[in-house]
Amino acid sequence: MNGSDDEDTPLADAVRLALLDVLKTLSPAERLAFVLHGLFGLPYQEIAALLNLSPAATRRLVADARRRVDGHP
């Protein structure tokens, strides 16, 4: 971004708020799986163990969350 940090702050704040609003639409399990896999790159196998799900179910959970974050029901 160009400009000073003061100019970037409103945009960064708006992005943070928008992301929080979108994450609120996800179930707790979707939110956890989406963040752990999408932002931290945790493998499905490890997330599955945390959520007591199969890796395949975890992949579906992340895919569903990603679709909802992208604006598709």
N, C-alpha and C. Protein backbone atom coordinates (compact mmCIF):
# COMPACT_ATOMS: atom_id res chain seq x y z
N MET A 1 0.84 -1.18 0.00
CA MET A 1 0.00 0.00 0.00
C MET A 1 0.89 1.24 0.00
N ASN A 2 0.44 2.24 -0.66
CA ASN A 2 1.18 3.50 -0.69
C ASN A 2 0.65 4.43 0.39
N GLY A 3 1.48 5.36 0.80
CA GLY A 3 1.03 6.34 1.78
C GLY A 3 1.53 5.98 3.16
N SER A 4 1.11 6.79 4.09
CA SER A 4 1.54 6.58 5.47
C SER A 4 0.69 5.51 6.15
N ASP A 5 1.15 5.08 7.31
CA ASP A 5 0.39 4.11 8.08
C ASP A 5 -0.97 4.66 8.48
N ASP A 6 -1.05 5.96 8.73
CA ASP A 6 -2.31 6.58 9.11
C ASP A 6 -3.35 6.44 8.00
N GLU A 7 -2.91 6.52 6.75
CA GLU A 7 -3.84 6.38 5.63
C GLU A 7 -4.27 4.94 5.44
N ASP A 8 -3.41 3.97 5.79
CA ASP A 8 -3.70 2.56 5.61
C ASP A 8 -4.60 2.00 6.72
N THR A 9 -4.59 2.61 7.87
CA THR A 9 -5.32 2.09 9.01
C THR A 9 -6.82 1.93 8.76
N PRO A 10 -7.51 2.90 8.18
CA PRO A 10 -8.95 2.70 7.94
C PRO A 10 -9.23 1.51 7.02
N LEU A 11 -8.43 1.32 6.00
CA LEU A 11 -8.62 0.19 5.09
C LEU A 11 -8.35 -1.12 5.83
N ALA A 12 -7.26 -1.18 6.57
CA ALA A 12 -6.93 -2.39 7.33
C ALA A 12 -8.03 -2.70 8.34
N ASP A 13 -8.53 -1.69 9.01
CA ASP A 13 -9.61 -1.89 9.97
C ASP A 13 -10.87 -2.40 9.27
N ALA A 14 -11.18 -1.85 8.12
CA ALA A 14 -12.36 -2.29 7.37
C ALA A 14 -12.22 -3.74 6.93
N VAL A 15 -11.03 -4.12 6.49
CA VAL A 15 -10.80 -5.51 6.08
C VAL A 15 -10.94 -6.45 7.27
N ARG A 16 -10.36 -6.06 8.40
CA ARG A 16 -10.48 -6.89 9.62
C ARG A 16 -11.94 -7.07 10.02
N LEU A 17 -12.70 -5.99 10.01
CA LEU A 17 -14.11 -6.08 10.38
C LEU A 17 -14.90 -6.93 9.40
N ALA A 18 -14.61 -6.79 8.13
CA ALA A 18 -15.30 -7.60 7.12
C ALA A 18 -14.98 -9.08 7.31
N LEU A 19 -13.72 -9.40 7.58
CA LEU A 19 -13.34 -10.79 7.80
C LEU A 19 -14.04 -11.35 9.04
N LEU A 20 -14.10 -10.56 10.09
CA LEU A 20 -14.79 -11.02 11.30
C LEU A 20 -16.27 -11.27 11.03
N ASP A 21 -16.90 -10.40 10.26
CA ASP A 21 -18.32 -10.59 9.92
C ASP A 21 -18.52 -11.88 9.13
N VAL A 22 -17.62 -12.15 8.20
CA VAL A 22 -17.73 -13.37 7.40
C VAL A 22 -17.49 -14.59 8.28
N LEU A 23 -16.48 -14.54 9.13
CA LEU A 23 -16.19 -15.68 10.00
C LEU A 23 -17.34 -15.98 10.96
N LYS A 24 -18.09 -14.96 11.34
CA LYS A 24 -19.24 -15.16 12.23
C LYS A 24 -20.34 -15.99 11.57
N THR A 25 -20.36 -16.03 10.24
CA THR A 25 -21.38 -16.81 9.55
C THR A 25 -21.07 -18.30 9.55
N LEU A 26 -19.85 -18.66 9.91
CA LEU A 26 -19.45 -20.06 9.93
C LEU A 26 -19.76 -20.69 11.28
N SER A 27 -19.97 -21.99 11.27
CA SER A 27 -20.13 -22.70 12.54
C SER A 27 -18.76 -22.73 13.24
N PRO A 28 -18.74 -22.99 14.53
CA PRO A 28 -17.44 -23.05 15.22
C PRO A 28 -16.48 -24.05 14.59
N ALA A 29 -16.97 -25.22 14.20
CA ALA A 29 -16.10 -26.23 13.57
C ALA A 29 -15.59 -25.74 12.22
N GLU A 30 -16.47 -25.13 11.42
CA GLU A 30 -16.05 -24.58 10.13
C GLU A 30 -15.00 -23.50 10.31
N ARG A 31 -15.25 -22.63 11.26
CA ARG A 31 -14.33 -21.52 11.53
C ARG A 31 -12.95 -22.05 11.93
N LEU A 32 -12.93 -23.01 12.84
CA LEU A 32 -11.66 -23.57 13.28
C LEU A 32 -10.93 -24.25 12.13
N ALA A 33 -11.62 -25.09 11.39
CA ALA A 33 -11.00 -25.80 10.28
C ALA A 33 -10.52 -24.83 9.20
N PHE A 34 -11.34 -23.83 8.88
CA PHE A 34 -10.98 -22.85 7.86
C PHE A 34 -9.71 -22.09 8.25
N VAL A 35 -9.66 -21.63 9.49
CA VAL A 35 -8.51 -20.84 9.94
C VAL A 35 -7.26 -21.71 10.05
N LEU A 36 -7.40 -22.88 10.65
CA LEU A 36 -6.22 -23.73 10.83
C LEU A 36 -5.65 -24.21 9.50
N HIS A 37 -6.52 -24.53 8.56
CA HIS A 37 -6.02 -25.02 7.27
C HIS A 37 -5.65 -23.86 6.34
N GLY A 38 -6.58 -22.91 6.21
CA GLY A 38 -6.39 -21.84 5.23
C GLY A 38 -5.33 -20.82 5.62
N LEU A 39 -5.24 -20.49 6.90
CA LEU A 39 -4.30 -19.46 7.32
C LEU A 39 -3.00 -20.02 7.87
N PHE A 40 -3.08 -21.20 8.51
CA PHE A 40 -1.89 -21.76 9.13
C PHE A 40 -1.36 -23.00 8.42
N GLY A 41 -2.09 -23.49 7.42
CA GLY A 41 -1.62 -24.62 6.62
C GLY A 41 -1.58 -25.94 7.36
N LEU A 42 -2.33 -26.07 8.43
CA LEU A 42 -2.37 -27.33 9.16
C LEU A 42 -3.01 -28.40 8.29
N PRO A 43 -2.43 -29.60 8.24
CA PRO A 43 -2.99 -30.67 7.40
C PRO A 43 -4.37 -31.11 7.90
N TYR A 44 -5.18 -31.60 6.97
CA TYR A 44 -6.53 -32.06 7.31
C TYR A 44 -6.49 -33.13 8.40
N GLN A 45 -5.51 -34.02 8.35
CA GLN A 45 -5.39 -35.10 9.32
C GLN A 45 -5.30 -34.55 10.75
N GLU A 46 -4.50 -33.52 10.94
CA GLU A 46 -4.34 -32.93 12.28
C GLU A 46 -5.61 -32.20 12.73
N ILE A 47 -6.25 -31.50 11.81
CA ILE A 47 -7.50 -30.80 12.15
C ILE A 47 -8.57 -31.82 12.47
N ALA A 48 -8.61 -32.91 11.70
CA ALA A 48 -9.58 -33.97 11.94
C ALA A 48 -9.45 -34.54 13.34
N ALA A 49 -8.23 -34.73 13.80
CA ALA A 49 -8.01 -35.26 15.15
C ALA A 49 -8.52 -34.28 16.20
N LEU A 50 -8.34 -32.99 15.97
CA LEU A 50 -8.83 -31.99 16.92
C LEU A 50 -10.36 -31.95 16.98
N LEU A 51 -10.99 -32.15 15.84
CA LEU A 51 -12.45 -32.05 15.75
C LEU A 51 -13.15 -33.40 15.89
N ASN A 52 -12.35 -34.47 16.04
CA ASN A 52 -12.91 -35.82 16.14
C ASN A 52 -13.72 -36.16 14.89
N LEU A 53 -13.15 -35.83 13.73
CA LEU A 53 -13.77 -36.12 12.43
C LEU A 53 -12.78 -36.90 11.59
N SER A 54 -13.26 -37.44 10.49
CA SER A 54 -12.36 -38.08 9.54
C SER A 54 -11.69 -36.98 8.71
N PRO A 55 -10.53 -37.27 8.12
CA PRO A 55 -9.91 -36.28 7.24
C PRO A 55 -10.81 -35.88 6.07
N ALA A 56 -11.58 -36.84 5.55
CA ALA A 56 -12.49 -36.53 4.43
C ALA A 56 -13.58 -35.56 4.88
N ALA A 57 -14.13 -35.79 6.07
CA ALA A 57 -15.16 -34.88 6.60
C ALA A 57 -14.57 -33.50 6.86
N THR A 58 -13.33 -33.46 7.30
CA THR A 58 -12.66 -32.19 7.55
C THR A 58 -12.43 -31.44 6.25
N ARG A 59 -12.04 -32.16 5.19
CA ARG A 59 -11.87 -31.52 3.87
C ARG A 59 -13.18 -30.90 3.41
N ARG A 60 -14.28 -31.62 3.59
CA ARG A 60 -15.60 -31.09 3.21
C ARG A 60 -15.95 -29.86 4.05
N LEU A 61 -15.63 -29.92 5.33
CA LEU A 61 -15.91 -28.79 6.22
C LEU A 61 -15.16 -27.55 5.76
N VAL A 62 -13.89 -27.70 5.42
CA VAL A 62 -13.09 -26.57 4.93
C VAL A 62 -13.63 -26.08 3.59
N ALA A 63 -13.98 -27.01 2.71
CA ALA A 63 -14.51 -26.62 1.39
C ALA A 63 -15.82 -25.85 1.55
N ASP A 64 -16.69 -26.33 2.43
CA ASP A 64 -17.96 -25.63 2.67
C ASP A 64 -17.71 -24.23 3.24
N ALA A 65 -16.78 -24.13 4.19
CA ALA A 65 -16.45 -22.83 4.77
C ALA A 65 -15.89 -21.89 3.71
N ARG A 66 -15.01 -22.41 2.87
CA ARG A 66 -14.41 -21.58 1.81
C ARG A 66 -15.48 -21.05 0.86
N ARG A 67 -16.45 -21.92 0.51
CA ARG A 67 -17.54 -21.47 -0.37
C ARG A 67 -18.35 -20.36 0.29
N ARG A 68 -18.63 -20.51 1.58
CA ARG A 68 -19.41 -19.49 2.28
C ARG A 68 -18.63 -18.20 2.41
N VAL A 69 -17.34 -18.30 2.65
CA VAL A 69 -16.49 -17.10 2.73
C VAL A 69 -16.45 -16.40 1.36
N ASP A 70 -16.44 -17.20 0.30
CA ASP A 70 -16.43 -16.63 -1.05
C ASP A 70 -17.79 -16.07 -1.47
N GLY A 71 -18.81 -16.23 -0.61
CA GLY A 71 -20.11 -15.66 -0.89
C GLY A 71 -21.10 -16.59 -1.54
N HIS A 72 -20.80 -17.89 -1.55
CA HIS A 72 -21.72 -18.87 -2.10
C HIS A 72 -22.35 -19.65 -0.96
N PRO A 73 -23.67 -19.81 -0.99
CA PRO A 73 -24.34 -20.55 0.09
C PRO A 73 -23.97 -22.03 0.09
